[in-house]
Amino acid sequence: MPELPEIFIFARDMRRELVGRTIRSVEVLQPKSLNVPPEEFEAALREAEIRDVTPRGKWLRVETTRGWLLLNLGMGGEILLICHGGRGELPEKRRLVFDLDGGGGAGEDASLIVNFWWFGYAITPPTLPSTR
């Protein structure tokens, strides 16, 4: 189970690698892990540019130009970034796959692989309600 220090490291590393990239496609392999129907989740994030990644408790908040993606890795989740020219080989265990562009041509195309036990949320419009 990722603890708070690991969540901060995930957020830092994801911010460094993902900000400026656009989500070209979303593949949902486990619809039960979402809080919305897969089609709505995909539509909310497809073609969204990633603006920031921040930790909030044990959640990872990914701010995009089209709203927010919230990830909780639960008891045994993992996030992998696979850089490649095409889709390449993906790990067998995965719940979500986000195909990303190279960030304005500066880097390689990539796939962000998410395997988690809890939920991925897509929230639109691009304002996240305060939890204070």
N, C-alpha and C. Protein backbone atom coordinates (compact mmCIF):
# COMPACT_ATOMS: atom_id res chain seq x y z
N MET A 1 0.85 -1.17 0.00
CA MET A 1 0.00 0.00 0.00
C MET A 1 0.89 1.24 0.00
N PRO A 2 0.75 2.11 -0.98
CA PRO A 2 1.55 3.34 -0.99
C PRO A 2 1.17 4.23 0.21
N GLU A 3 2.17 4.69 0.90
CA GLU A 3 1.96 5.62 2.02
C GLU A 3 2.20 7.05 1.51
N LEU A 4 2.00 8.02 2.39
CA LEU A 4 2.12 9.42 1.96
C LEU A 4 3.45 9.75 1.29
N PRO A 5 4.59 9.30 1.81
CA PRO A 5 5.84 9.64 1.11
C PRO A 5 5.87 9.13 -0.33
N GLU A 6 5.35 7.92 -0.56
CA GLU A 6 5.33 7.37 -1.93
C GLU A 6 4.38 8.17 -2.82
N ILE A 7 3.26 8.61 -2.28
CA ILE A 7 2.31 9.41 -3.05
C ILE A 7 2.98 10.73 -3.49
N PHE A 8 3.74 11.36 -2.59
CA PHE A 8 4.44 12.59 -2.95
C PHE A 8 5.48 12.32 -4.05
N ILE A 9 6.17 11.18 -3.97
CA ILE A 9 7.15 10.83 -4.99
C ILE A 9 6.46 10.55 -6.32
N PHE A 10 5.34 9.80 -6.30
CA PHE A 10 4.57 9.57 -7.52
C PHE A 10 4.17 10.90 -8.15
N ALA A 11 3.62 11.81 -7.34
CA ALA A 11 3.16 13.10 -7.87
C ALA A 11 4.32 13.88 -8.49
N ARG A 12 5.46 13.92 -7.80
CA ARG A 12 6.63 14.64 -8.31
C ARG A 12 7.09 14.06 -9.64
N ASP A 13 7.22 12.72 -9.69
CA ASP A 13 7.70 12.07 -10.90
C ASP A 13 6.69 12.20 -12.04
N MET A 14 5.41 12.05 -11.73
CA MET A 14 4.38 12.20 -12.75
C MET A 14 4.35 13.62 -13.29
N ARG A 15 4.50 14.62 -12.40
CA ARG A 15 4.52 16.02 -12.84
C ARG A 15 5.67 16.23 -13.83
N ARG A 16 6.84 15.71 -13.50
CA ARG A 16 8.02 15.88 -14.36
C ARG A 16 7.81 15.24 -15.73
N GLU A 17 7.20 14.06 -15.78
CA GLU A 17 7.07 13.31 -17.02
C GLU A 17 5.80 13.60 -17.82
N LEU A 18 4.74 14.06 -17.16
CA LEU A 18 3.45 14.14 -17.83
C LEU A 18 2.99 15.54 -18.20
N VAL A 19 3.39 16.56 -17.44
CA VAL A 19 2.89 17.91 -17.71
C VAL A 19 3.28 18.32 -19.14
N GLY A 20 2.28 18.82 -19.87
CA GLY A 20 2.47 19.23 -21.25
C GLY A 20 2.10 18.16 -22.26
N ARG A 21 1.92 16.94 -21.81
CA ARG A 21 1.50 15.86 -22.72
C ARG A 21 -0.02 15.88 -22.87
N THR A 22 -0.49 15.38 -23.99
CA THR A 22 -1.92 15.28 -24.26
C THR A 22 -2.33 13.81 -24.24
N ILE A 23 -3.46 13.54 -23.60
CA ILE A 23 -4.02 12.20 -23.57
C ILE A 23 -4.69 11.95 -24.91
N ARG A 24 -4.12 11.09 -25.73
CA ARG A 24 -4.66 10.82 -27.06
C ARG A 24 -5.80 9.82 -27.02
N SER A 25 -5.69 8.82 -26.14
CA SER A 25 -6.77 7.83 -26.01
C SER A 25 -6.75 7.25 -24.61
N VAL A 26 -7.89 6.69 -24.23
CA VAL A 26 -8.06 6.07 -22.92
C VAL A 26 -8.65 4.69 -23.15
N GLU A 27 -8.04 3.69 -22.54
CA GLU A 27 -8.56 2.33 -22.60
C GLU A 27 -8.92 1.89 -21.18
N VAL A 28 -10.16 1.52 -20.97
CA VAL A 28 -10.64 1.07 -19.66
C VAL A 28 -10.79 -0.45 -19.72
N LEU A 29 -9.98 -1.15 -18.95
CA LEU A 29 -10.04 -2.61 -18.93
C LEU A 29 -10.84 -3.13 -17.74
N GLN A 30 -11.08 -2.30 -16.74
CA GLN A 30 -11.86 -2.69 -15.57
C GLN A 30 -12.86 -1.58 -15.25
N PRO A 31 -14.02 -1.59 -15.89
CA PRO A 31 -15.02 -0.53 -15.70
C PRO A 31 -15.48 -0.37 -14.24
N LYS A 32 -15.43 -1.45 -13.46
CA LYS A 32 -15.87 -1.37 -12.06
C LYS A 32 -14.97 -0.49 -11.20
N SER A 33 -13.79 -0.16 -11.71
CA SER A 33 -12.87 0.68 -10.95
C SER A 33 -13.15 2.17 -11.11
N LEU A 34 -14.16 2.52 -11.90
CA LEU A 34 -14.49 3.92 -12.17
C LEU A 34 -15.77 4.33 -11.45
N ASN A 35 -15.94 5.64 -11.29
CA ASN A 35 -17.16 6.17 -10.69
C ASN A 35 -18.17 6.63 -11.74
N VAL A 36 -17.82 6.48 -13.01
CA VAL A 36 -18.70 6.88 -14.12
C VAL A 36 -18.61 5.79 -15.19
N PRO A 37 -19.57 5.75 -16.12
CA PRO A 37 -19.46 4.78 -17.21
C PRO A 37 -18.17 4.99 -18.00
N PRO A 38 -17.58 3.92 -18.52
CA PRO A 38 -16.31 4.03 -19.25
C PRO A 38 -16.35 5.03 -20.39
N GLU A 39 -17.46 5.08 -21.13
CA GLU A 39 -17.56 6.01 -22.26
C GLU A 39 -17.47 7.46 -21.78
N GLU A 40 -18.12 7.76 -20.66
CA GLU A 40 -18.08 9.11 -20.10
C GLU A 40 -16.67 9.45 -19.59
N PHE A 41 -16.03 8.49 -18.94
CA PHE A 41 -14.67 8.66 -18.44
C PHE A 41 -13.71 8.96 -19.60
N GLU A 42 -13.81 8.15 -20.65
CA GLU A 42 -12.95 8.34 -21.82
C GLU A 42 -13.20 9.69 -22.48
N ALA A 43 -14.46 10.05 -22.65
CA ALA A 43 -14.80 11.32 -23.29
C ALA A 43 -14.31 12.51 -22.47
N ALA A 44 -14.31 12.38 -21.14
CA ALA A 44 -13.89 13.48 -20.27
C ALA A 44 -12.39 13.72 -20.34
N LEU A 45 -11.61 12.71 -20.73
CA LEU A 45 -10.15 12.85 -20.69
C LEU A 45 -9.47 12.82 -22.05
N ARG A 46 -10.14 12.30 -23.07
CA ARG A 46 -9.52 12.21 -24.40
C ARG A 46 -9.21 13.62 -24.93
N GLU A 47 -8.02 13.80 -25.43
CA GLU A 47 -7.52 15.07 -25.99
C GLU A 47 -7.30 16.16 -24.94
N ALA A 48 -7.25 15.78 -23.67
CA ALA A 48 -6.96 16.73 -22.59
C ALA A 48 -5.45 16.84 -22.40
N GLU A 49 -4.98 18.06 -22.21
CA GLU A 49 -3.56 18.26 -21.92
C GLU A 49 -3.37 18.23 -20.40
N ILE A 50 -2.33 17.55 -19.95
CA ILE A 50 -2.04 17.47 -18.52
C ILE A 50 -1.33 18.74 -18.09
N ARG A 51 -1.90 19.41 -17.09
CA ARG A 51 -1.35 20.68 -16.58
C ARG A 51 -0.50 20.51 -15.32
N ASP A 52 -0.92 19.59 -14.43
CA ASP A 52 -0.21 19.44 -13.16
C ASP A 52 -0.59 18.12 -12.52
N VAL A 53 0.25 17.65 -11.61
CA VAL A 53 -0.05 16.47 -10.79
C VAL A 53 0.33 16.82 -9.37
N THR A 54 -0.62 16.68 -8.44
CA THR A 54 -0.38 17.01 -7.04
C THR A 54 -0.92 15.91 -6.14
N PRO A 55 -0.28 15.73 -4.98
CA PRO A 55 -0.81 14.77 -4.01
C PRO A 55 -1.86 15.44 -3.14
N ARG A 56 -2.84 14.66 -2.71
CA ARG A 56 -3.84 15.14 -1.75
C ARG A 56 -4.19 13.94 -0.89
N GLY A 57 -3.60 13.85 0.29
CA GLY A 57 -3.75 12.66 1.11
C GLY A 57 -3.16 11.49 0.33
N LYS A 58 -3.92 10.43 0.19
CA LYS A 58 -3.44 9.27 -0.58
C LYS A 58 -3.95 9.28 -2.01
N TRP A 59 -4.42 10.42 -2.45
CA TRP A 59 -4.92 10.58 -3.82
C TRP A 59 -3.88 11.31 -4.66
N LEU A 60 -3.83 10.98 -5.94
CA LEU A 60 -3.06 11.72 -6.93
C LEU A 60 -4.06 12.52 -7.76
N ARG A 61 -3.89 13.84 -7.78
CA ARG A 61 -4.80 14.71 -8.55
C ARG A 61 -4.08 15.15 -9.81
N VAL A 62 -4.61 14.73 -10.95
CA VAL A 62 -4.04 15.09 -12.24
C VAL A 62 -4.95 16.15 -12.85
N GLU A 63 -4.44 17.38 -12.93
CA GLU A 63 -5.21 18.48 -13.52
C GLU A 63 -5.00 18.46 -15.02
N THR A 64 -6.11 18.50 -15.76
CA THR A 64 -6.04 18.56 -17.22
C THR A 64 -6.80 19.79 -17.70
N THR A 65 -6.70 20.06 -18.98
CA THR A 65 -7.43 21.19 -19.57
C THR A 65 -8.92 20.91 -19.65
N ARG A 66 -9.33 19.67 -19.38
CA ARG A 66 -10.75 19.30 -19.48
C ARG A 66 -11.33 18.88 -18.14
N GLY A 67 -10.58 19.03 -17.07
CA GLY A 67 -11.07 18.62 -15.75
C GLY A 67 -9.97 17.93 -14.97
N TRP A 68 -10.37 17.08 -14.05
CA TRP A 68 -9.44 16.42 -13.14
C TRP A 68 -9.56 14.92 -13.24
N LEU A 69 -8.44 14.23 -13.12
CA LEU A 69 -8.38 12.79 -12.97
C LEU A 69 -7.86 12.55 -11.56
N LEU A 70 -8.62 11.81 -10.76
CA LEU A 70 -8.20 11.49 -9.39
C LEU A 70 -7.91 10.01 -9.31
N LEU A 71 -6.73 9.67 -8.79
CA LEU A 71 -6.31 8.27 -8.69
C LEU A 71 -6.00 7.92 -7.25
N ASN A 72 -6.50 6.79 -6.79
CA ASN A 72 -6.17 6.24 -5.49
C ASN A 72 -5.67 4.83 -5.74
N LEU A 73 -4.42 4.56 -5.37
CA LEU A 73 -3.82 3.27 -5.68
C LEU A 73 -4.24 2.17 -4.72
N GLY A 74 -4.93 2.51 -3.65
CA GLY A 74 -5.47 1.50 -2.76
C GLY A 74 -4.39 0.62 -2.14
N MET A 75 -4.69 -0.66 -2.02
CA MET A 75 -3.81 -1.60 -1.33
C MET A 75 -2.63 -2.08 -2.16
N GLY A 76 -2.74 -2.11 -3.46
CA GLY A 76 -1.65 -2.68 -4.24
C GLY A 76 -1.53 -2.10 -5.62
N GLY A 77 -1.78 -0.80 -5.75
CA GLY A 77 -1.75 -0.19 -7.07
C GLY A 77 -0.36 0.16 -7.54
N GLU A 78 -0.26 0.37 -8.84
CA GLU A 78 1.00 0.80 -9.42
C GLU A 78 0.71 1.65 -10.65
N ILE A 79 1.66 2.52 -10.95
CA ILE A 79 1.58 3.38 -12.12
C ILE A 79 2.90 3.22 -12.88
N LEU A 80 2.80 2.93 -14.16
CA LEU A 80 3.99 2.75 -14.99
C LEU A 80 3.90 3.68 -16.19
N LEU A 81 5.01 4.28 -16.56
CA LEU A 81 5.09 5.07 -17.79
C LEU A 81 6.01 4.33 -18.74
N ILE A 82 5.45 3.92 -19.87
CA ILE A 82 6.23 3.19 -20.86
C ILE A 82 6.40 4.10 -22.08
N CYS A 83 7.64 4.52 -22.34
CA CYS A 83 7.92 5.38 -23.49
C CYS A 83 8.22 4.51 -24.70
N HIS A 84 7.69 4.91 -25.85
CA HIS A 84 7.85 4.10 -27.05
C HIS A 84 7.43 4.90 -28.27
N GLY A 85 7.77 4.38 -29.41
CA GLY A 85 7.33 4.98 -30.65
C GLY A 85 5.91 4.57 -31.00
N GLY A 86 5.52 3.38 -30.60
CA GLY A 86 4.16 2.87 -30.78
C GLY A 86 3.65 2.42 -29.44
N ARG A 87 2.64 1.58 -29.42
CA ARG A 87 2.07 1.15 -28.14
C ARG A 87 2.99 0.19 -27.41
N GLY A 88 3.74 -0.62 -28.13
CA GLY A 88 4.69 -1.52 -27.49
C GLY A 88 3.98 -2.60 -26.68
N GLU A 89 4.75 -3.31 -25.90
CA GLU A 89 4.19 -4.35 -25.05
C GLU A 89 3.78 -3.75 -23.72
N LEU A 90 2.56 -4.06 -23.30
CA LEU A 90 2.03 -3.53 -22.05
C LEU A 90 1.97 -4.65 -21.02
N PRO A 91 2.09 -4.31 -19.74
CA PRO A 91 2.00 -5.32 -18.71
C PRO A 91 0.62 -6.00 -18.70
N GLU A 92 0.60 -7.25 -18.28
CA GLU A 92 -0.66 -7.99 -18.26
C GLU A 92 -1.64 -7.40 -17.25
N LYS A 93 -1.15 -7.04 -16.07
CA LYS A 93 -2.02 -6.47 -15.04
C LYS A 93 -2.16 -4.98 -15.25
N ARG A 94 -3.36 -4.55 -15.65
CA ARG A 94 -3.62 -3.13 -15.84
C ARG A 94 -5.12 -2.90 -15.81
N ARG A 95 -5.52 -1.72 -15.31
CA ARG A 95 -6.93 -1.35 -15.26
C ARG A 95 -7.24 -0.25 -16.28
N LEU A 96 -6.30 0.69 -16.42
CA LEU A 96 -6.45 1.82 -17.34
C LEU A 96 -5.17 1.99 -18.14
N VAL A 97 -5.33 2.40 -19.39
CA VAL A 97 -4.17 2.75 -20.22
C VAL A 97 -4.48 4.10 -20.86
N PHE A 98 -3.58 5.05 -20.64
CA PHE A 98 -3.68 6.37 -21.27
C PHE A 98 -2.56 6.46 -22.29
N ASP A 99 -2.88 6.60 -23.56
CA ASP A 99 -1.87 6.82 -24.58
C ASP A 99 -1.62 8.33 -24.66
N LEU A 100 -0.36 8.71 -24.55
CA LEU A 100 0.03 10.11 -24.47
C LEU A 100 0.91 10.49 -25.64
N ASP A 101 0.82 11.77 -26.03
CA ASP A 101 1.74 12.25 -27.06
C ASP A 101 3.08 12.57 -26.41
N GLY A 102 4.02 12.99 -27.23
CA GLY A 102 5.37 13.26 -26.75
C GLY A 102 5.54 14.61 -26.08
N GLY A 103 4.49 15.34 -25.85
CA GLY A 103 4.61 16.64 -25.19
C GLY A 103 5.09 17.72 -26.13
N GLY A 104 4.33 17.98 -27.17
CA GLY A 104 4.69 19.02 -28.14
C GLY A 104 5.87 18.63 -29.01
N GLY A 105 6.08 17.33 -29.16
CA GLY A 105 7.18 16.85 -30.00
C GLY A 105 8.51 16.80 -29.29
N ALA A 106 8.53 17.19 -28.00
CA ALA A 106 9.80 17.23 -27.27
C ALA A 106 10.26 15.85 -26.82
N GLY A 107 9.34 14.90 -26.70
CA GLY A 107 9.71 13.58 -26.21
C GLY A 107 9.02 12.49 -26.99
N GLU A 108 9.23 11.26 -26.55
CA GLU A 108 8.61 10.11 -27.19
C GLU A 108 7.15 9.98 -26.78
N ASP A 109 6.35 9.39 -27.65
CA ASP A 109 5.01 9.01 -27.26
C ASP A 109 5.13 8.00 -26.13
N ALA A 110 4.09 7.88 -25.32
CA ALA A 110 4.16 7.00 -24.15
C ALA A 110 2.78 6.47 -23.82
N SER A 111 2.77 5.42 -23.00
CA SER A 111 1.54 4.91 -22.43
C SER A 111 1.68 4.97 -20.92
N LEU A 112 0.68 5.52 -20.26
CA LEU A 112 0.62 5.55 -18.80
C LEU A 112 -0.29 4.39 -18.39
N ILE A 113 0.27 3.42 -17.69
CA ILE A 113 -0.45 2.22 -17.29
C ILE A 113 -0.80 2.36 -15.82
N VAL A 114 -2.07 2.18 -15.47
CA VAL A 114 -2.51 2.28 -14.08
C VAL A 114 -3.16 0.97 -13.69
N ASN A 115 -2.67 0.41 -12.59
CA ASN A 115 -3.27 -0.79 -12.01
C ASN A 115 -3.56 -0.44 -10.55
N PHE A 116 -4.83 -0.38 -10.19
CA PHE A 116 -5.18 -0.01 -8.82
C PHE A 116 -6.37 -0.82 -8.37
N TRP A 117 -6.61 -0.78 -7.07
CA TRP A 117 -7.71 -1.55 -6.48
C TRP A 117 -8.92 -0.68 -6.23
N TRP A 118 -8.74 0.62 -6.24
CA TRP A 118 -9.84 1.51 -5.91
C TRP A 118 -10.37 2.19 -7.14
N PHE A 119 -10.51 3.48 -7.11
CA PHE A 119 -11.25 4.18 -8.15
C PHE A 119 -10.41 5.22 -8.86
N GLY A 120 -10.74 5.43 -10.13
CA GLY A 120 -10.26 6.56 -10.90
C GLY A 120 -11.47 7.43 -11.17
N TYR A 121 -11.37 8.69 -10.88
CA TYR A 121 -12.48 9.62 -11.07
C TYR A 121 -12.11 10.63 -12.14
N ALA A 122 -13.07 10.97 -12.96
CA ALA A 122 -12.92 12.08 -13.88
C ALA A 122 -13.93 13.13 -13.44
N ILE A 123 -13.46 14.33 -13.18
CA ILE A 123 -14.34 15.41 -12.71
C ILE A 123 -14.26 16.55 -13.70
N THR A 124 -15.39 16.98 -14.20
CA THR A 124 -15.46 18.16 -15.05
C THR A 124 -16.55 19.04 -14.47
N PRO A 125 -16.51 20.33 -14.61
CA PRO A 125 -15.58 21.19 -15.35
C PRO A 125 -14.23 21.29 -14.64
N PRO A 126 -13.30 22.08 -15.20
CA PRO A 126 -11.94 22.09 -14.69
C PRO A 126 -11.75 22.78 -13.35
N THR A 127 -12.75 22.79 -12.49
CA THR A 127 -12.56 23.31 -11.15
C THR A 127 -12.85 22.19 -10.16
N LEU A 128 -11.92 21.98 -9.25
CA LEU A 128 -12.05 20.93 -8.26
C LEU A 128 -12.57 21.57 -6.98
N PRO A 129 -13.68 21.07 -6.43
CA PRO A 129 -14.22 21.66 -5.22
C PRO A 129 -13.19 21.54 -4.08
N SER A 130 -13.16 22.56 -3.24
CA SER A 130 -12.27 22.56 -2.10
C SER A 130 -12.72 21.52 -1.09
N THR A 131 -11.75 20.87 -0.44
CA THR A 131 -12.08 19.86 0.57
C THR A 131 -11.75 20.37 1.96
N ARG A 132 -11.59 21.66 2.11
CA ARG A 132 -11.27 22.23 3.43
C ARG A 132 -12.47 22.32 4.31
